[in-house]
Every structure is written in structure tokens, then in C-alpha cells.
């Protein structure tokens, strides 16, 4: 787990530097970061309900930076998309 936190911090720092280098808006960076964090929360709740309470392990979606980003950008349709991909 500590390795994941360190990786997360490094990814945020590299992304921030890329935004500065290409002169992109920092507002977009923070919006993307907040959406990814919201995506992680949605995935945690989803996994807690389906994999934890209902014991339906096949519906568990692993939480990675890609799944958090997809869920953060697309919202609930992103969770549905990830669920469909997981079941294929």
C-alpha cells in the first residue's frame, strides 16, 4: 500500500509538471484530479455493496488509476462501462 501512495504522488507531480510545460490550465488539472478522487469513492462504494454485502465477487471492479479516471470522467456510466468490461 505505501508503494501505491508513493506512485500516486509521483503521477500527480509528473502530471502537474506536464501541465506547466505545455502551458495548460491548472484548473483542468485540479478538475481531473477531483474527478479521479470522486471516481475512487464511487468504486469503493460499488465494491463495498456488491462484493462485500451481497457477496457477488464477480461484480468487483479493481481500483486502479485507470478505473478511477474512467469513473471520474464519465461518472455513473463509467462504472457501468467498467462493469461490462469486467464481465466480458
PDB file of N, CA and C in Angstrom:
ATOM      1  N   UNK A   1       0.804  -1.201   0.000  1.00  0.00           N
ATOM      2  CA  UNK A   1       0.000   0.000   0.000  1.00  0.00           C
ATOM      3  C   UNK A   1       0.853   1.275   0.000  1.00  0.00           C
ATOM      4  N   UNK A   2       1.928   1.360   0.786  1.00  0.00           N
ATOM      5  CA  UNK A   2       2.737   2.583   0.733  1.00  0.00           C
ATOM      6  C   UNK A   2       3.330   2.823  -0.644  1.00  0.00           C
ATOM      7  N   UNK A   3       3.652   1.755  -1.381  1.00  0.00           N
ATOM      8  CA  UNK A   3       4.172   1.913  -2.737  1.00  0.00           C
ATOM      9  C   UNK A   3       3.138   2.538  -3.654  1.00  0.00           C
ATOM     10  N   UNK A   4       1.876   2.203  -3.452  1.00  0.00           N
ATOM     11  CA  UNK A   4       0.798   2.778  -4.250  1.00  0.00           C
ATOM     12  C   UNK A   4       0.628   4.255  -3.972  1.00  0.00           C
ATOM     13  N   UNK A   5       0.790   4.650  -2.725  1.00  0.00           N
ATOM     14  CA  UNK A   5       0.670   6.065  -2.359  1.00  0.00           C
ATOM     15  C   UNK A   5       1.811   6.861  -2.963  1.00  0.00           C
ATOM     16  N   UNK A   6       3.008   6.305  -2.903  1.00  0.00           N
ATOM     17  CA  UNK A   6       4.170   6.981  -3.483  1.00  0.00           C
ATOM     18  C   UNK A   6       4.000   7.113  -4.998  1.00  0.00           C
ATOM     19  N   UNK A   7       3.510   6.061  -5.646  1.00  0.00           N
ATOM     20  CA  UNK A   7       3.259   6.104  -7.080  1.00  0.00           C
ATOM     21  C   UNK A   7       2.217   7.165  -7.416  1.00  0.00           C
ATOM     22  N   UNK A   8       1.158   7.234  -6.618  1.00  0.00           N
ATOM     23  CA  UNK A   8       0.106   8.228  -6.824  1.00  0.00           C
ATOM     24  C   UNK A   8       0.668   9.645  -6.734  1.00  0.00           C
ATOM     25  N   UNK A   9       1.510   9.893  -5.741  1.00  0.00           N
ATOM     26  CA  UNK A   9       2.105  11.216  -5.562  1.00  0.00           C
ATOM     27  C   UNK A   9       3.026  11.550  -6.736  1.00  0.00           C
ATOM     28  N   UNK A  10       3.806  10.574  -7.196  1.00  0.00           N
ATOM     29  CA  UNK A  10       4.708  10.795  -8.332  1.00  0.00           C
ATOM     30  C   UNK A  10       3.911  11.098  -9.599  1.00  0.00           C
ATOM     31  N   UNK A  11       2.824  10.368  -9.826  1.00  0.00           N
ATOM     32  CA  UNK A  11       1.991  10.600 -11.005  1.00  0.00           C
ATOM     33  C   UNK A  11       1.386  11.994 -10.960  1.00  0.00           C
ATOM     34  N   UNK A  12       0.925  12.429  -9.797  1.00  0.00           N
ATOM     35  CA  UNK A  12       0.360  13.774  -9.671  1.00  0.00           C
ATOM     36  C   UNK A  12       1.423  14.830  -9.951  1.00  0.00           C
ATOM     37  N   UNK A  13       2.624  14.633  -9.418  1.00  0.00           N
ATOM     38  CA  UNK A  13       3.688  15.615  -9.642  1.00  0.00           C
ATOM     39  C   UNK A  13       4.085  15.673 -11.115  1.00  0.00           C
ATOM     40  N   UNK A  14       4.232  14.525 -11.767  1.00  0.00           N
ATOM     41  CA  UNK A  14       4.607  14.499 -13.185  1.00  0.00           C
ATOM     42  C   UNK A  14       3.515  15.146 -14.029  1.00  0.00           C
ATOM     43  N   UNK A  15       2.255  14.847 -13.717  1.00  0.00           N
ATOM     44  CA  UNK A  15       1.149  15.452 -14.453  1.00  0.00           C
ATOM     45  C   UNK A  15       1.138  16.965 -14.276  1.00  0.00           C
ATOM     46  N   UNK A  16       1.381  17.416 -13.056  1.00  0.00           N
ATOM     47  CA  UNK A  16       1.435  18.854 -12.787  1.00  0.00           C
ATOM     48  C   UNK A  16       2.545  19.518 -13.589  1.00  0.00           C
ATOM     49  N   UNK A  17       3.710  18.893 -13.639  1.00  0.00           N
ATOM     50  CA  UNK A  17       4.836  19.445 -14.403  1.00  0.00           C
ATOM     51  C   UNK A  17       4.496  19.475 -15.896  1.00  0.00           C
ATOM     52  N   UNK A  18       3.839  18.428 -16.406  1.00  0.00           N
ATOM     53  CA  UNK A  18       3.446  18.420 -17.818  1.00  0.00           C
ATOM     54  C   UNK A  18       2.460  19.544 -18.123  1.00  0.00           C
ATOM     55  N   UNK A  19       1.532  19.780 -17.222  1.00  0.00           N
ATOM     56  CA  UNK A  19       0.590  20.876 -17.417  1.00  0.00           C
ATOM     57  C   UNK A  19       1.310  22.215 -17.458  1.00  0.00           C
ATOM     58  N   UNK A  20       2.304  22.381 -16.600  1.00  0.00           N
ATOM     59  CA  UNK A  20       3.079  23.622 -16.589  1.00  0.00           C
ATOM     60  C   UNK A  20       3.916  23.759 -17.866  1.00  0.00           C
ATOM     61  N   UNK A  21       4.550  22.668 -18.315  1.00  0.00           N
ATOM     62  CA  UNK A  21       5.390  22.712 -19.505  1.00  0.00           C
ATOM     63  C   UNK A  21       4.597  23.081 -20.760  1.00  0.00           C
ATOM     64  N   UNK A  22       3.416  22.494 -20.905  1.00  0.00           N
ATOM     65  CA  UNK A  22       2.612  22.743 -22.094  1.00  0.00           C
ATOM     66  C   UNK A  22       1.683  23.942 -21.935  1.00  0.00           C
ATOM     67  N   UNK A  23       1.818  24.635 -20.812  1.00  0.00           N
ATOM     68  CA  UNK A  23       1.055  25.855 -20.558  1.00  0.00           C
ATOM     69  C   UNK A  23      -0.454  25.611 -20.565  1.00  0.00           C
ATOM     70  N   UNK A  24      -0.870  24.442 -20.074  1.00  0.00           N
ATOM     71  CA  UNK A  24      -2.282  24.142 -19.969  1.00  0.00           C
ATOM     72  C   UNK A  24      -2.814  24.721 -18.670  1.00  0.00           C
ATOM     73  N   UNK A  25      -4.098  24.882 -18.599  1.00  0.00           N
ATOM     74  CA  UNK A  25      -4.727  25.465 -17.423  1.00  0.00           C
ATOM     75  C   UNK A  25      -4.611  24.521 -16.217  1.00  0.00           C
ATOM     76  N   UNK A  26      -4.226  25.083 -15.100  1.00  0.00           N
ATOM     77  CA  UNK A  26      -4.122  24.305 -13.872  1.00  0.00           C
ATOM     78  C   UNK A  26      -5.524  23.940 -13.366  1.00  0.00           C
ATOM     79  N   UNK A  27      -6.535  24.742 -13.740  1.00  0.00           N
ATOM     80  CA  UNK A  27      -7.910  24.415 -13.356  1.00  0.00           C
ATOM     81  C   UNK A  27      -8.320  23.061 -13.915  1.00  0.00           C
ATOM     82  N   UNK A  28      -7.893  22.758 -15.137  1.00  0.00           N
ATOM     83  CA  UNK A  28      -8.201  21.463 -15.739  1.00  0.00           C
ATOM     84  C   UNK A  28      -7.521  20.347 -14.957  1.00  0.00           C
ATOM     85  N   UNK A  29      -6.277  20.590 -14.531  1.00  0.00           N
ATOM     86  CA  UNK A  29      -5.542  19.592 -13.740  1.00  0.00           C
ATOM     87  C   UNK A  29      -6.294  19.277 -12.453  1.00  0.00           C
ATOM     88  N   UNK A  30      -6.721  20.318 -11.730  1.00  0.00           N
ATOM     89  CA  UNK A  30      -7.412  20.083 -10.463  1.00  0.00           C
ATOM     90  C   UNK A  30      -8.790  19.459 -10.683  1.00  0.00           C
ATOM     91  N   UNK A  31      -9.460  19.828 -11.771  1.00  0.00           N
ATOM     92  CA  UNK A  31     -10.755  19.208 -12.073  1.00  0.00           C
ATOM     93  C   UNK A  31     -10.567  17.726 -12.359  1.00  0.00           C
ATOM     94  N   UNK A  32      -9.546  17.382 -13.117  1.00  0.00           N
ATOM     95  CA  UNK A  32      -9.245  15.990 -13.422  1.00  0.00           C
ATOM     96  C   UNK A  32      -8.887  15.223 -12.155  1.00  0.00           C
ATOM     97  N   UNK A  33      -8.114  15.841 -11.272  1.00  0.00           N
ATOM     98  CA  UNK A  33      -7.737  15.209 -10.013  1.00  0.00           C
ATOM     99  C   UNK A  33      -8.961  14.969  -9.126  1.00  0.00           C
ATOM    100  N   UNK A  34      -9.822  15.955  -9.004  1.00  0.00           N
ATOM    101  CA  UNK A  34     -11.017  15.806  -8.163  1.00  0.00           C
ATOM    102  C   UNK A  34     -11.951  14.764  -8.756  1.00  0.00           C
ATOM    103  N   UNK A  35     -12.102  14.757 -10.083  1.00  0.00           N
ATOM    104  CA  UNK A  35     -12.946  13.745 -10.710  1.00  0.00           C
ATOM    105  C   UNK A  35     -12.396  12.344 -10.488  1.00  0.00           C
ATOM    106  N   UNK A  36     -11.085  12.184 -10.528  1.00  0.00           N
ATOM    107  CA  UNK A  36     -10.484  10.870 -10.273  1.00  0.00           C
ATOM    108  C   UNK A  36     -10.724  10.433  -8.831  1.00  0.00           C
ATOM    109  N   UNK A  37     -10.630  11.364  -7.885  1.00  0.00           N
ATOM    110  CA  UNK A  37     -10.896  11.029  -6.482  1.00  0.00           C
ATOM    111  C   UNK A  37     -12.363  10.652  -6.273  1.00  0.00           C
ATOM    112  N   UNK A  38     -13.268  11.362  -6.941  1.00  0.00           N
ATOM    113  CA  UNK A  38     -14.691  11.010  -6.874  1.00  0.00           C
ATOM    114  C   UNK A  38     -14.906   9.628  -7.478  1.00  0.00           C
ATOM    115  N   UNK A  39     -14.184   9.334  -8.559  1.00  0.00           N
ATOM    116  CA  UNK A  39     -14.269   8.010  -9.172  1.00  0.00           C
ATOM    117  C   UNK A  39     -13.832   6.912  -8.221  1.00  0.00           C
ATOM    118  N   UNK A  40     -12.772   7.161  -7.455  1.00  0.00           N
ATOM    119  CA  UNK A  40     -12.308   6.171  -6.478  1.00  0.00           C
ATOM    120  C   UNK A  40     -13.374   5.935  -5.416  1.00  0.00           C
ATOM    121  N   UNK A  41     -14.008   7.004  -4.952  1.00  0.00           N
ATOM    122  CA  UNK A  41     -15.058   6.870  -3.934  1.00  0.00           C
ATOM    123  C   UNK A  41     -16.234   6.078  -4.486  1.00  0.00           C
ATOM    124  N   UNK A  42     -16.650   6.365  -5.720  1.00  0.00           N
ATOM    125  CA  UNK A  42     -17.754   5.617  -6.330  1.00  0.00           C
ATOM    126  C   UNK A  42     -17.397   4.138  -6.446  1.00  0.00           C
ATOM    127  N   UNK A  43     -16.167   3.844  -6.866  1.00  0.00           N
ATOM    128  CA  UNK A  43     -15.745   2.439  -6.983  1.00  0.00           C
ATOM    129  C   UNK A  43     -15.680   1.755  -5.622  1.00  0.00           C
ATOM    130  N   UNK A  44     -15.228   2.463  -4.594  1.00  0.00           N
ATOM    131  CA  UNK A  44     -15.200   1.885  -3.249  1.00  0.00           C
ATOM    132  C   UNK A  44     -16.602   1.532  -2.774  1.00  0.00           C
ATOM    133  N   UNK A  45     -17.543   2.447  -2.977  1.00  0.00           N
ATOM    134  CA  UNK A  45     -18.933   2.190  -2.581  1.00  0.00           C
ATOM    135  C   UNK A  45     -19.502   1.025  -3.389  1.00  0.00           C
ATOM    136  N   UNK A  46     -19.253   1.033  -4.697  1.00  0.00           N
ATOM    137  CA  UNK A  46     -19.736  -0.043  -5.558  1.00  0.00           C
ATOM    138  C   UNK A  46     -19.186  -1.392  -5.115  1.00  0.00           C
ATOM    139  N   UNK A  47     -17.878  -1.458  -4.876  1.00  0.00           N
ATOM    140  CA  UNK A  47     -17.266  -2.715  -4.441  1.00  0.00           C
ATOM    141  C   UNK A  47     -17.761  -3.128  -3.061  1.00  0.00           C
ATOM    142  N   UNK A  48     -17.974  -2.168  -2.177  1.00  0.00           N
ATOM    143  CA  UNK A  48     -18.464  -2.495  -0.834  1.00  0.00           C
ATOM    144  C   UNK A  48     -19.858  -3.097  -0.901  1.00  0.00           C
ATOM    145  N   UNK A  49     -20.725  -2.519  -1.732  1.00  0.00           N
ATOM    146  CA  UNK A  49     -22.101  -3.015  -1.814  1.00  0.00           C
ATOM    147  C   UNK A  49     -22.153  -4.365  -2.506  1.00  0.00           C
ATOM    148  N   UNK A  50     -21.580  -4.471  -3.695  1.00  0.00           N
ATOM    149  CA  UNK A  50     -21.735  -5.695  -4.464  1.00  0.00           C
ATOM    150  C   UNK A  50     -20.808  -6.819  -4.026  1.00  0.00           C
ATOM    151  N   UNK A  51     -19.549  -6.528  -3.799  1.00  0.00           N
ATOM    152  CA  UNK A  51     -18.606  -7.590  -3.437  1.00  0.00           C
ATOM    153  C   UNK A  51     -18.631  -7.875  -1.942  1.00  0.00           C
ATOM    154  N   UNK A  52     -18.915  -6.862  -1.124  1.00  0.00           N
ATOM    155  CA  UNK A  52     -18.893  -7.046   0.321  1.00  0.00           C
ATOM    156  C   UNK A  52     -20.214  -7.513   0.881  1.00  0.00           C
ATOM    157  N   UNK A  53     -21.244  -6.699   0.756  1.00  0.00           N
ATOM    158  CA  UNK A  53     -22.541  -7.001   1.374  1.00  0.00           C
ATOM    159  C   UNK A  53     -23.268  -8.120   0.646  1.00  0.00           C
ATOM    160  N   UNK A  54     -23.329  -8.044  -0.690  1.00  0.00           N
ATOM    161  CA  UNK A  54     -24.084  -9.020  -1.457  1.00  0.00           C
ATOM    162  C   UNK A  54     -23.271 -10.261  -1.819  1.00  0.00           C
ATOM    163  N   UNK A  55     -21.999 -10.274  -1.519  1.00  0.00           N
ATOM    164  CA  UNK A  55     -21.087 -11.396  -1.805  1.00  0.00           C
ATOM    165  C   UNK A  55     -21.097 -11.801  -3.274  1.00  0.00           C
ATOM    166  N   UNK A  56     -21.132 -10.826  -4.139  1.00  0.00           N
ATOM    167  CA  UNK A  56     -21.066 -11.077  -5.574  1.00  0.00           C
ATOM    168  C   UNK A  56     -19.691 -10.644  -6.073  1.00  0.00           C
ATOM    169  N   UNK A  57     -18.706 -11.510  -5.869  1.00  0.00           N
ATOM    170  CA  UNK A  57     -17.325 -11.184  -6.192  1.00  0.00           C
ATOM    171  C   UNK A  57     -17.079 -10.920  -7.660  1.00  0.00           C
ATOM    172  N   UNK A  58     -17.947 -11.468  -8.533  1.00  0.00           N
ATOM    173  CA  UNK A  58     -17.734 -11.266  -9.967  1.00  0.00           C
ATOM    174  C   UNK A  58     -18.019  -9.825 -10.386  1.00  0.00           C
ATOM    175  N   UNK A  59     -18.707  -9.066  -9.529  1.00  0.00           N
ATOM    176  CA  UNK A  59     -19.005  -7.679  -9.838  1.00  0.00           C
ATOM    177  C   UNK A  59     -17.969  -6.708  -9.264  1.00  0.00           C
ATOM    178  N   UNK A  60     -16.946  -7.214  -8.603  1.00  0.00           N
ATOM    179  CA  UNK A  60     -15.915  -6.342  -8.025  1.00  0.00           C
ATOM    180  C   UNK A  60     -15.054  -5.754  -9.132  1.00  0.00           C
ATOM    181  N   UNK A  61     -14.865  -4.438  -9.084  1.00  0.00           N
ATOM    182  CA  UNK A  61     -14.038  -3.737 -10.060  1.00  0.00           C
ATOM    183  C   UNK A  61     -12.756  -3.310  -9.348  1.00  0.00           C
ATOM    184  N   UNK A  62     -11.589  -3.765  -9.822  1.00  0.00           N
ATOM    185  CA  UNK A  62     -10.344  -3.353  -9.154  1.00  0.00           C
ATOM    186  C   UNK A  62     -10.139  -1.849  -9.274  1.00  0.00           C
ATOM    187  N   UNK A  63      -9.628  -1.247  -8.222  1.00  0.00           N
ATOM    188  CA  UNK A  63      -9.420   0.196  -8.214  1.00  0.00           C
ATOM    189  C   UNK A  63      -7.981   0.486  -8.619  1.00  0.00           C
ATOM    190  N   UNK A  64      -7.850   1.005  -9.827  1.00  0.00           N
ATOM    191  CA  UNK A  64      -6.553   1.427 -10.342  1.00  0.00           C
ATOM    192  C   UNK A  64      -6.697   2.876 -10.793  1.00  0.00           C
ATOM    193  N   UNK A  65      -5.607   3.477 -11.225  1.00  0.00           N
ATOM    194  CA  UNK A  65      -5.705   4.866 -11.660  1.00  0.00           C
ATOM    195  C   UNK A  65      -6.525   4.971 -12.935  1.00  0.00           C
ATOM    196  N   UNK A  66      -6.522   3.924 -13.762  1.00  0.00           N
ATOM    197  CA  UNK A  66      -7.304   3.942 -14.999  1.00  0.00           C
ATOM    198  C   UNK A  66      -8.795   3.863 -14.689  1.00  0.00           C
ATOM    199  N   UNK A  67      -9.186   2.940 -13.805  1.00  0.00           N
ATOM    200  CA  UNK A  67     -10.604   2.811 -13.472  1.00  0.00           C
ATOM    201  C   UNK A  67     -11.116   4.045 -12.735  1.00  0.00           C
ATOM    202  N   UNK A  68     -10.285   4.624 -11.882  1.00  0.00           N
ATOM    203  CA  UNK A  68     -10.697   5.850 -11.187  1.00  0.00           C
ATOM    204  C   UNK A  68     -10.854   7.001 -12.173  1.00  0.00           C
ATOM    205  N   UNK A  69      -9.985   7.083 -13.154  1.00  0.00           N
ATOM    206  CA  UNK A  69     -10.065   8.144 -14.145  1.00  0.00           C
ATOM    207  C   UNK A  69     -11.297   7.977 -15.034  1.00  0.00           C
ATOM    208  N   UNK A  70     -11.564   6.749 -15.468  1.00  0.00           N
ATOM    209  CA  UNK A  70     -12.749   6.492 -16.291  1.00  0.00           C
ATOM    210  C   UNK A  70     -14.012   6.836 -15.511  1.00  0.00           C
ATOM    211  N   UNK A  71     -14.078   6.413 -14.255  1.00  0.00           N
ATOM    212  CA  UNK A  71     -15.247   6.702 -13.431  1.00  0.00           C
ATOM    213  C   UNK A  71     -15.339   8.189 -13.122  1.00  0.00           C
ATOM    214  N   UNK A  72     -14.224   8.829 -12.896  1.00  0.00           N
ATOM    215  CA  UNK A  72     -14.233  10.257 -12.608  1.00  0.00           C
ATOM    216  C   UNK A  72     -14.673  11.098 -13.788  1.00  0.00           C
ATOM    217  N   UNK A  73     -14.275  10.705 -14.988  1.00  0.00           N
ATOM    218  CA  UNK A  73     -14.643  11.470 -16.177  1.00  0.00           C
ATOM    219  C   UNK A  73     -16.073  11.167 -16.605  1.00  0.00           C
ATOM    220  N   UNK A  74     -16.444   9.897 -16.599  1.00  0.00           N
ATOM    221  CA  UNK A  74     -17.766   9.516 -17.097  1.00  0.00           C
ATOM    222  C   UNK A  74     -18.842   9.425 -16.020  1.00  0.00           C
ATOM    223  N   UNK A  75     -18.439   9.340 -14.763  1.00  0.00           N
ATOM    224  CA  UNK A  75     -19.426   9.236 -13.682  1.00  0.00           C
ATOM    225  C   UNK A  75     -20.030   7.842 -13.605  1.00  0.00           C
ATOM    226  N   UNK A  76     -21.342   7.783 -13.338  1.00  0.00           N
ATOM    227  CA  UNK A  76     -22.033   6.503 -13.204  1.00  0.00           C
ATOM    228  C   UNK A  76     -21.979   5.689 -14.498  1.00  0.00           C
ATOM    229  N   UNK A  77     -22.136   6.293 -15.683  1.00  0.00           N
ATOM    230  CA  UNK A  77     -21.956   5.490 -16.900  1.00  0.00           C
ATOM    231  C   UNK A  77     -20.559   4.860 -16.990  1.00  0.00           C
ATOM    232  N   UNK A  78     -19.560   5.497 -16.400  1.00  0.00           N
ATOM    233  CA  UNK A  78     -18.218   4.923 -16.366  1.00  0.00           C
ATOM    234  C   UNK A  78     -18.171   3.660 -15.529  1.00  0.00           C
ATOM    235  N   UNK A  79     -18.897   3.652 -14.400  1.00  0.00           N
ATOM    236  CA  UNK A  79     -18.974   2.445 -13.567  1.00  0.00           C
ATOM    237  C   UNK A  79     -19.658   1.334 -14.342  1.00  0.00           C
ATOM    238  N   UNK A  80     -20.732   1.667 -15.055  1.00  0.00           N
ATOM    239  CA  UNK A  80     -21.433   0.659 -15.863  1.00  0.00           C
ATOM    240  C   UNK A  80     -20.527   0.125 -16.965  1.00  0.00           C
ATOM    241  N   UNK A  81     -19.782   1.023 -17.611  1.00  0.00           N
ATOM    242  CA  UNK A  81     -18.839   0.608 -18.650  1.00  0.00           C
ATOM    243  C   UNK A  81     -17.776  -0.333 -18.084  1.00  0.00           C
ATOM    244  N   UNK A  82     -17.218   0.014 -16.941  1.00  0.00           N
ATOM    245  CA  UNK A  82     -16.199  -0.844 -16.307  1.00  0.00           C
ATOM    246  C   UNK A  82     -16.789  -2.190 -15.893  1.00  0.00           C
ATOM    247  N   UNK A  83     -18.032  -2.185 -15.450  1.00  0.00           N
ATOM    248  CA  UNK A  83     -18.687  -3.440 -15.081  1.00  0.00           C
ATOM    249  C   UNK A  83     -18.873  -4.336 -16.298  1.00  0.00           C
ATOM    250  N   UNK A  84     -19.285  -3.754 -17.423  1.00  0.00           N
ATOM    251  CA  UNK A  84     -19.438  -4.527 -18.645  1.00  0.00           C
ATOM    252  C   UNK A  84     -18.096  -5.087 -19.095  1.00  0.00           C
ATOM    253  N   UNK A  85     -17.046  -4.271 -19.034  1.00  0.00           N
ATOM    254  CA  UNK A  85     -15.720  -4.751 -19.418  1.00  0.00           C
ATOM    255  C   UNK A  85     -15.259  -5.859 -18.488  1.00  0.00           C
ATOM    256  N   UNK A  86     -15.557  -5.732 -17.183  1.00  0.00           N
ATOM    257  CA  UNK A  86     -15.155  -6.741 -16.195  1.00  0.00           C
ATOM    258  C   UNK A  86     -15.857  -8.073 -16.461  1.00  0.00           C
ATOM    259  N   UNK A  87     -17.115  -8.026 -16.885  1.00  0.00           N
ATOM    260  CA  UNK A  87     -17.880  -9.252 -17.090  1.00  0.00           C
ATOM    261  C   UNK A  87     -17.545  -9.940 -18.411  1.00  0.00           C
ATOM    262  N   UNK A  88     -16.905  -9.235 -19.344  1.00  0.00           N
ATOM    263  CA  UNK A  88     -16.557  -9.860 -20.631  1.00  0.00           C
ATOM    264  C   UNK A  88     -15.434 -10.794 -20.498  1.00  0.00           C
TER     265      UNK A  88
END
